[in-house]
Protein backbone atom coordinates (compact mmCIF):
# COMPACT_ATOMS: atom_id res chain seq x y z
CA MET A 1 -0.15 0.02 -0.12
CA LYS A 2 2.77 2.52 0.89
CA ARG A 3 4.65 1.41 -2.27
CA THR A 4 1.74 2.25 -4.37
CA LYS A 5 1.43 5.88 -2.85
CA THR A 6 5.12 6.45 -3.28
CA VAL A 7 4.84 5.40 -7.12
CA ILE A 8 1.75 7.67 -7.61
CA LEU A 9 3.69 10.46 -6.11
CA LEU A 10 6.62 10.17 -8.27
CA VAL A 11 4.40 10.15 -11.21
CA LEU A 12 2.70 13.44 -10.29
CA ILE A 13 6.05 14.93 -9.91
CA VAL A 14 7.23 13.95 -13.15
CA VAL A 15 4.12 15.26 -14.80
CA VAL A 16 4.31 18.69 -13.03
CA PHE A 17 7.92 18.87 -14.13
CA THR A 18 7.26 17.92 -17.61
CA VAL A 19 4.41 20.46 -18.08
CA ALA A 20 6.77 23.27 -16.48
CA LEU A 21 9.34 22.55 -19.07
CA TYR A 22 6.70 22.59 -21.72
CA TYR A 23 5.54 25.84 -20.64
CA LEU A 24 9.00 27.45 -20.30
CA TRP A 25 9.78 26.15 -24.05
CA LEU A 26 6.57 27.72 -25.37
CA LYS A 27 7.78 31.00 -23.66
CA ASN A 28 10.89 30.88 -25.48
CA GLN A 29 8.84 30.34 -28.85
CA GLU A 30 7.32 33.89 -28.29
CA ASP A 31 8.33 36.69 -30.38
CA PRO A 32 10.35 39.39 -28.67
CA ILE A 33 8.35 42.66 -28.29
CA THR A 34 9.32 45.26 -30.70
CA TYR A 35 7.97 48.76 -30.90
CA THR A 36 7.26 50.96 -33.83
CA SER A 37 7.74 54.52 -33.92
CA GLU A 38 6.06 57.60 -35.32
CA ALA A 39 7.18 61.02 -36.41
CA PRO A 40 5.39 64.24 -35.45
CA THR A 41 3.33 66.16 -38.21
CA GLU A 42 2.14 69.77 -38.90
CA GLN A 43 -1.36 69.79 -38.40
CA THR A 44 -4.20 72.59 -37.94
CA ILE A 45 -5.79 71.62 -34.66
CA VAL A 46 -9.45 72.93 -34.14
CA VAL A 47 -11.28 72.61 -30.81
CA LYS A 48 -14.68 73.00 -31.24
CA THR A 49 -18.44 71.92 -30.03
CA VAL A 50 -21.44 71.37 -32.24
CA ALA A 51 -24.70 72.98 -32.03
CA THR A 52 -27.57 71.67 -34.16
CA GLY A 53 -30.37 73.92 -35.27
CA SER A 54 -31.77 75.42 -38.56
CA ILE A 55 -31.35 78.36 -41.03
CA VAL A 56 -33.85 81.04 -40.49
CA PRO A 57 -34.14 84.95 -41.92
CA LYS A 58 -32.73 87.35 -39.74
CA GLU A 59 -35.76 89.55 -40.08
CA GLU A 60 -39.26 88.07 -41.14
CA ILE A 61 -42.08 90.51 -41.67
CA LEU A 62 -45.58 89.45 -41.13
CA ILE A 63 -47.97 91.50 -43.53
CA LYS A 64 -51.27 92.07 -41.62
CA PRO A 65 -54.46 93.73 -42.68
CA ASN A 66 -55.66 96.97 -41.15
CA ILE A 67 -59.46 95.82 -41.72
CA SER A 68 -61.52 92.94 -41.15
CA GLY A 69 -63.08 91.25 -43.94
CA VAL A 70 -62.88 88.51 -46.65
CA ILE A 71 -59.92 87.80 -49.12
CA GLU A 72 -61.22 88.55 -52.25
CA GLU A 73 -57.89 87.83 -54.29
CA VAL A 74 -54.31 87.25 -53.53
CA PHE A 75 -51.85 88.60 -56.10
CA ILE A 76 -48.62 86.74 -55.10
CA GLU A 77 -47.13 83.12 -54.34
CA ALA A 78 -44.41 81.96 -52.19
CA GLY A 79 -41.00 82.23 -53.55
CA GLU A 80 -41.84 85.57 -55.40
CA TYR A 81 -39.57 88.57 -54.92
CA VAL A 82 -41.76 91.90 -54.09
CA ASN A 83 -40.64 95.58 -53.73
CA GLN A 84 -42.16 97.81 -50.87
CA GLY A 85 -45.56 98.78 -52.04
CA ASP A 86 -46.32 95.99 -54.31
CA LEU A 87 -50.07 94.81 -54.14
CA ILE A 88 -50.48 91.56 -52.13
CA ALA A 89 -54.00 91.21 -51.71
CA GLN A 90 -57.54 92.69 -52.12
CA ILE A 91 -60.13 92.55 -49.14
CA ARG A 92 -63.73 92.60 -49.40
CA VAL A 93 -65.28 94.05 -46.42
CA ILE A 94 -68.34 92.47 -44.79
CA PRO A 95 -69.88 95.35 -42.86
CA ASN A 96 -70.73 94.70 -39.05
CA VAL A 97 -74.68 95.41 -38.46
CA SER A 98 -74.16 96.95 -35.09
CA ASN A 99 -71.33 99.02 -36.42
CA LEU A 100 -73.10 100.08 -39.49
CA THR A 101 -76.10 101.04 -37.45
CA SER A 102 -74.14 102.92 -35.12
CA ALA A 103 -72.36 104.74 -37.73
CA LYS A 104 -75.81 105.81 -39.33
CA ASN A 105 -76.89 107.14 -35.98
CA SER A 106 -73.55 109.17 -35.66
CA ILE A 107 -74.34 110.78 -39.09
CA ALA A 108 -77.88 111.63 -38.03
CA SER A 109 -76.77 113.09 -34.58
CA ASN A 110 -73.96 115.04 -36.12
CA ARG A 111 -76.19 116.53 -38.92
CA THR A 112 -78.79 117.57 -36.16
CA ALA A 113 -75.86 119.27 -34.19
CA LEU A 114 -74.91 121.04 -37.48
CA GLN A 115 -78.81 122.36 -37.95
CA THR A 116 -78.64 123.64 -34.58
CA ALA A 117 -75.14 125.30 -34.85
CA GLU A 118 -76.49 127.01 -38.17
CA ILE A 119 -79.41 128.35 -36.60
CA ASN A 120 -77.32 129.61 -33.49
CA PHE A 121 -75.22 131.35 -36.14
CA LYS A 122 -77.76 133.01 -38.11
CA THR A 123 -79.03 134.46 -34.83
CA GLN A 124 -75.82 135.41 -33.62
CA LYS A 125 -75.09 136.82 -36.87
CA ALA A 126 -78.27 139.07 -36.98
CA ILE A 127 -77.20 140.30 -33.39
CA TYR A 128 -73.77 141.15 -34.72
CA ASP A 129 -74.85 143.09 -37.75
CA ARG A 130 -77.16 145.33 -35.66
CA GLN A 131 -74.70 145.74 -32.73
CA LYS A 132 -72.02 146.55 -35.24
CA GLU A 133 -74.15 149.24 -37.02
CA LEU A 134 -74.66 150.85 -33.59
CA PHE A 135 -71.19 150.74 -32.75
CA ASP A 136 -70.08 152.43 -35.79
CA LYS A 137 -72.63 155.29 -34.99
CA GLY A 138 -71.02 155.38 -31.42
CA VAL A 139 -74.33 154.32 -29.70
CA ILE A 140 -72.84 151.33 -27.65
CA ALA A 141 -69.40 151.22 -26.03
CA ALA A 142 -66.40 148.94 -27.39
CA ASN A 143 -66.66 146.66 -24.27
CA GLU A 144 -70.24 145.64 -25.28
CA PHE A 145 -69.51 145.36 -28.92
CA ASP A 146 -66.58 143.09 -28.26
CA GLN A 147 -68.86 140.74 -26.22
CA VAL A 148 -71.14 140.48 -29.30
CA ASN A 149 -68.17 139.77 -31.51
CA ASN A 150 -66.78 136.78 -29.45
CA THR A 151 -70.15 135.25 -29.52
CA TYR A 152 -70.47 135.55 -33.08
CA LEU A 153 -66.94 134.07 -33.60
CA GLN A 154 -67.63 131.18 -31.49
CA ALA A 155 -70.99 130.38 -33.26
CA LYS A 156 -69.17 130.55 -36.49
CA GLN A 157 -66.65 128.26 -35.12
CA SER A 158 -69.29 125.83 -33.95
CA VAL A 159 -70.78 125.59 -37.25
CA GLU A 160 -67.49 124.63 -38.90
CA GLN A 161 -66.64 121.91 -36.22
CA ALA A 162 -70.19 120.72 -36.70
CA ARG A 163 -69.46 120.25 -40.79
CA ILE A 164 -66.18 118.47 -39.82
CA ASN A 165 -67.99 116.00 -37.55
CA VAL A 166 -70.69 115.21 -40.12
CA THR A 167 -67.96 114.57 -42.68
CA GLN A 168 -65.92 112.25 -40.38
CA ALA A 169 -69.21 110.38 -39.46
CA ARG A 170 -69.90 110.09 -43.21
CA GLN A 171 -66.46 108.62 -43.82
CA ASN A 172 -66.67 106.56 -40.94
CA TYR A 173 -69.79 104.98 -42.18
CA ASP A 174 -68.19 104.52 -45.87
CA ILE A 175 -65.11 102.50 -44.29
CA ILE A 176 -67.41 100.46 -42.02
CA LYS A 177 -69.52 99.53 -45.18
CA THR A 178 -67.00 99.35 -48.03
CA GLY A 179 -63.68 99.41 -46.28
CA THR A 180 -62.56 102.87 -48.00
CA THR A 181 -63.91 106.34 -48.43
CA SER A 182 -63.22 109.74 -50.66
CA GLY A 183 -60.12 111.17 -49.69
CA VAL A 184 -57.88 108.46 -48.78
CA GLY A 185 -56.25 108.41 -52.36
CA ASN A 186 -53.78 105.31 -52.65
CA VAL A 187 -54.12 104.33 -49.06
CA ALA A 188 -57.27 102.21 -49.45
CA GLN A 189 -57.65 100.05 -46.57
CA THR A 190 -59.01 97.06 -48.73
CA GLN A 191 -55.80 96.82 -50.52
CA VAL A 192 -52.92 95.05 -48.55
CA ARG A 193 -49.40 95.98 -49.90
CA ALA A 194 -45.91 95.02 -49.22
CA THR A 195 -44.40 97.24 -46.30
CA VAL A 196 -40.77 95.89 -47.27
CA SER A 197 -38.89 94.59 -50.20
CA GLY A 198 -38.08 90.77 -50.17
CA MET A 199 -38.81 87.28 -51.02
CA VAL A 200 -42.28 85.92 -50.19
CA LEU A 201 -41.75 83.18 -47.68
CA ASP A 202 -45.21 81.97 -47.06
CA VAL A 203 -48.87 82.99 -47.97
CA PRO A 204 -50.93 81.24 -45.30
CA VAL A 205 -54.19 82.68 -46.86
CA LYS A 206 -56.35 82.11 -50.08
CA ALA A 207 -59.17 83.88 -51.63
CA GLY A 208 -62.24 83.36 -49.34
CA ASN A 209 -60.63 83.41 -46.08
CA GLN A 210 -61.74 85.70 -43.39
CA VAL A 211 -59.10 87.87 -41.93
CA ILE A 212 -58.93 90.01 -38.86
CA GLU A 213 -57.14 93.36 -38.25
CA ALA A 214 -54.36 93.89 -35.96
CA ASN A 215 -55.47 95.88 -32.79
CA ASN A 216 -54.70 96.02 -29.20
CA PHE A 217 -56.74 92.96 -28.55
CA ASN A 218 -55.71 90.63 -31.45
CA GLU A 219 -52.52 90.39 -33.34
CA GLY A 220 -54.39 90.08 -36.49
CA THR A 221 -54.29 87.31 -39.55
CA SER A 222 -50.91 87.01 -41.24
CA ILE A 223 -51.41 87.43 -44.95
CA ALA A 224 -48.08 86.82 -46.25
CA SER A 225 -44.52 86.67 -44.73
CA LEU A 226 -41.31 88.59 -46.23
CA ALA A 227 -37.85 88.33 -45.71
CA ASP A 228 -34.58 89.25 -47.31
CA VAL A 229 -32.97 85.86 -48.06
CA LYS A 230 -29.35 87.25 -48.26
CA LYS A 231 -29.50 88.07 -44.41
CA MET A 232 -29.73 84.82 -42.86
CA ILE A 233 -28.86 83.40 -39.32
CA PHE A 234 -28.44 80.07 -37.83
CA GLU A 235 -30.60 79.40 -34.96
CA GLY A 236 -29.82 76.53 -32.65
CA LYS A 237 -29.05 75.18 -28.96
CA VAL A 238 -26.14 74.00 -26.95
CA ASP A 239 -26.06 71.79 -23.81
CA GLU A 240 -25.36 73.36 -20.40
CA SER A 241 -22.19 71.50 -20.30
CA GLU A 242 -20.86 73.58 -23.32
CA VAL A 243 -22.48 76.90 -22.82
CA GLY A 244 -19.75 78.02 -20.38
CA LYS A 245 -17.00 77.55 -23.05
CA ILE A 246 -18.57 79.72 -25.88
CA LYS A 247 -18.91 83.52 -25.90
CA GLU A 248 -20.11 86.22 -28.49
CA GLY A 249 -17.94 86.85 -31.39
CA LEU A 250 -16.58 83.18 -31.91
CA PRO A 251 -16.37 81.97 -35.41
CA LEU A 252 -18.74 79.30 -36.59
CA GLU A 253 -18.76 76.81 -39.35
CA ILE A 254 -22.29 76.19 -40.64
CA THR A 255 -22.98 72.89 -42.54
CA VAL A 256 -26.61 72.47 -44.02
CA GLY A 257 -27.81 69.11 -44.69
CA ALA A 258 -29.50 69.98 -48.11
CA ILE A 259 -26.32 71.25 -49.44
CA GLU A 260 -23.41 68.80 -49.70
CA ASP A 261 -19.76 69.71 -49.63
CA GLN A 262 -20.23 73.23 -48.70
CA LYS A 263 -19.46 75.26 -45.54
CA PHE A 264 -20.58 78.67 -44.64
CA ASP A 265 -18.96 81.19 -42.06
CA ALA A 266 -20.70 82.78 -39.55
CA VAL A 267 -20.30 84.88 -36.14
CA LEU A 268 -21.88 83.86 -32.93
CA ASP A 269 -24.07 87.15 -32.21
CA TYR A 270 -26.46 85.68 -29.14
CA ILE A 271 -26.41 83.40 -26.23
CA ALA A 272 -29.59 83.19 -24.15
CA PRO A 273 -29.32 84.20 -20.84
CA LYS A 274 -31.74 81.68 -19.76
CA GLY A 275 -31.81 77.85 -20.40
CA VAL A 276 -34.93 75.77 -21.17
CA ALA A 277 -35.17 72.26 -20.05
CA GLU A 278 -35.64 69.82 -22.91
CA ASN A 279 -35.38 65.84 -22.46
CA GLY A 280 -33.91 66.09 -19.12
CA ALA A 281 -31.13 68.59 -19.99
CA ILE A 282 -30.93 72.16 -19.85
CA GLN A 283 -30.42 73.84 -23.41
CA PHE A 284 -29.52 77.39 -24.30
CA ALA A 285 -30.38 79.12 -27.60
CA ILE A 286 -27.76 80.63 -29.84
CA LYS A 287 -27.89 82.78 -32.91
CA GLY A 288 -25.10 83.27 -35.44
CA SER A 289 -25.21 85.47 -38.71
CA LEU A 290 -24.29 83.77 -42.02
CA LYS A 291 -21.44 85.79 -44.13
CA LYS A 292 -21.09 85.78 -47.77
CA ILE A 293 -23.88 83.78 -49.14
CA ASP A 294 -24.79 85.83 -52.01
CA SER A 295 -23.99 83.19 -54.60
CA THR A 296 -25.74 80.34 -52.69
CA PHE A 297 -29.67 80.46 -52.29
CA ILE A 298 -30.33 78.93 -48.82
CA ARG A 299 -34.06 78.20 -48.21
CA ALA A 300 -35.49 79.19 -44.84
CA GLY A 301 -35.95 76.41 -42.19
CA LEU A 302 -33.24 74.08 -43.44
CA SER A 303 -31.77 72.07 -40.79
CA ALA A 304 -27.97 72.78 -40.15
CA ASN A 305 -25.16 71.92 -37.61
CA ALA A 306 -22.87 74.64 -36.24
CA SER A 307 -19.30 73.97 -35.34
CA ILE A 308 -18.30 76.67 -32.64
CA ILE A 309 -14.65 77.06 -32.96
CA LEU A 310 -13.27 77.19 -29.09
CA GLU A 311 -9.35 77.37 -30.25
CA LYS A 312 -7.48 76.88 -33.36
CA ALA A 313 -3.88 76.39 -34.05
CA GLU A 314 -2.65 76.31 -37.80
CA GLN A 315 0.18 74.28 -39.11
CA VAL A 316 1.71 73.61 -35.82
CA LEU A 317 3.89 70.44 -34.64
CA ALA A 318 1.75 67.73 -33.35
CA ILE A 319 1.50 64.09 -32.63
CA LYS A 320 -1.10 61.61 -31.72
CA GLU A 321 -2.79 61.84 -28.28
CA GLY A 322 -2.00 58.24 -27.77
CA LEU A 323 1.86 58.69 -28.14
CA VAL A 324 2.00 60.93 -24.99
CA GLN A 325 2.81 59.30 -21.59
CA TYR A 326 2.59 60.77 -18.07
CA ASP A 327 4.84 60.24 -15.19
CA LYS A 328 3.42 58.34 -12.41
CA GLU A 329 4.31 61.03 -9.83
CA SER A 330 4.56 64.58 -11.44
CA LYS A 331 1.80 63.95 -13.94
CA LYS A 332 3.74 65.61 -16.54
CA PRO A 333 3.65 64.65 -20.01
CA PHE A 334 6.78 62.92 -21.61
CA VAL A 335 7.44 61.03 -24.80
CA GLU A 336 10.09 58.33 -25.75
CA ILE A 337 12.24 59.36 -28.55
CA GLU A 338 14.14 56.56 -30.59
CA VAL A 339 17.82 56.70 -30.17
CA GLY A 340 18.81 53.35 -31.75
CA ASP A 341 17.36 50.07 -32.90
CA GLN A 342 14.67 49.59 -30.30
CA LYS A 343 16.31 52.00 -27.81
CA TYR A 344 14.42 54.89 -26.56
CA GLU A 345 15.15 57.99 -24.41
CA ARG A 346 12.58 59.97 -22.36
CA LYS A 347 11.76 63.51 -23.65
CA ASP A 348 9.51 66.00 -21.37
CA VAL A 349 7.18 68.10 -23.63
CA GLU A 350 4.98 71.00 -23.26
CA LEU A 351 1.65 70.37 -24.94
CA GLY A 352 -1.09 72.78 -26.32
CA ILE A 353 -4.54 72.47 -27.56
CA SER A 354 -5.70 69.00 -28.59
CA ASP A 355 -8.90 68.02 -30.68
CA GLY A 356 -9.01 64.40 -29.09
CA ILE A 357 -6.85 62.67 -31.93
CA PHE A 358 -4.05 65.19 -32.36
CA VAL A 359 -2.19 67.39 -29.58
CA GLU A 360 0.03 70.44 -30.40
CA VAL A 361 3.42 70.04 -29.13
CA LYS A 362 5.04 73.67 -28.06
CA SER A 363 8.50 72.28 -27.01
CA GLY A 364 10.62 69.27 -26.28
CA ILE A 365 10.79 67.55 -29.76
CA SER A 366 11.48 68.16 -33.18
CA ILE A 367 9.74 67.17 -36.57
CA GLU A 368 12.89 64.99 -37.16
CA ASP A 369 12.24 62.75 -34.07
CA LYS A 370 10.67 59.42 -33.98
CA ILE A 371 8.23 58.70 -31.13
CA LYS A 372 7.77 55.39 -29.55
CA VAL A 373 4.35 53.85 -29.89
CA TRP A 374 4.29 52.48 -26.41
CA ASN A 375 0.66 51.17 -26.24
CA GLN A 376 0.52 49.30 -29.41
CA VAL A 377 -1.20 45.91 -29.83
CA GLN A 378 1.18 43.08 -29.19
CA GLY A 379 1.83 40.58 -31.73
CA ILE A 380 0.21 37.01 -31.49
CA PRO A 381 2.63 34.14 -30.42
CA LYS A 382 3.79 31.54 -32.88
CA TYR A 383 2.17 28.76 -30.71
CA ALA A 384 -1.29 30.52 -30.77
CA GLN A 385 -1.05 30.64 -34.51
CA GLN A 386 -0.73 27.02 -35.09
C-alpha cells in the first residue's frame, strides 16, 4: 500500500515537471516585443463644439391687414420677390350690422348738431350786424360790442366743427360699409401692400378666407411673410455643459444638410441668458449671422449644424494623443524618442491644444524625431497561430 502511494507521488512530480518544462519552452518560442515609432507632423488643430439647429431669416416681416373682411384675391405666391408698396391682396369688407347702425346714428346726430349750430350762427350774425351798426354810430361802448363779436365768432366756429364732424361720421360709415372712402387716395384699406422689399416665404391665406385686423386685443391674421433671403442666421441650441465654453464673437462653421460639400462662415451673435429644459437637459438658444451667401440660395427652415470654434492652431507641430505618456508622480507629459534600434530616450514635452486625436507640442521634440508607440497591440505568439 505504501509502495503504491510512493509510485503515484513520483508520477505526479514527473508530470508537473514535464508541464513546467513545456511551458518554459513555449515562452521561449514567443517573438520578442518590438516597438514601432511615428514622426510628428504639422497639423491644423481645431477645438470645437457642435450645435444643432436651422437656418432662418434674420428679419421676417408678417403682413397683416388694417381692416377685417374676406380675402377677395391674392396677387402673390411663395417664392416671388416683391418690392415695397407692391399689391399683395384685395379684401372685401363685410360690414358689421351693429357698427353700421351706430355709424348711421352718428351721421344723423351730427347732422342735427350742424343744423342747430347753423340756426344759432344765423341768430348771432343778425345780432352782430345790428350791434356793429350801433357801434359804428357810437351808440354802444367797445366793451359791449366785443362781447357780441366773441359770441358771433364762437357760433361760427361751432358751425365749422359741426360740418367736420358730419364729414368724419360719413367717412366712418363708408369705411365700415366698403372699407374705403373718398379722400384716402392710394391708402385704400381694402388693398394690402408690401411694407418692405423681399422674398415671399409663405402665403397662409387664399381667396375666401376671413381675416382680422391687427389691434390692441388681437395680433391679426397674417396674409404673407416676407424676408431678405440674403440676410440669414443660424438658430440652434447648445447643452449646459458646453455653454460655459463659448462667448459672443466666436467664429462658426455652418453645414447645411441639404447642401452637400459646402460650409458657410458665421459669427456667434447671441447666447440666451436663460436655459430651457428639454429631454432632461438644459439647453441654451444661440444665434449666428451667416456671411457671404450671395452666391448660394439657402431656403429658410433648412436644418443645419454649427461647429463653434473654441480654439484653433494652424500648421503646428503635433503628435497623436496616444503617443503621450504621463509621469506617475509628477503627472507631467513625456514621450520616448528613438535613439537606436529598439532603444528609446525619455523627453519631457510641453503640450498645447488637443482635438482628441492630435495634440499640439509646443516644445521638447522636433519634426525629425521618431516617437515610440508605447501602447501598440502586441503580436500573436507563434504557438497560438498554429
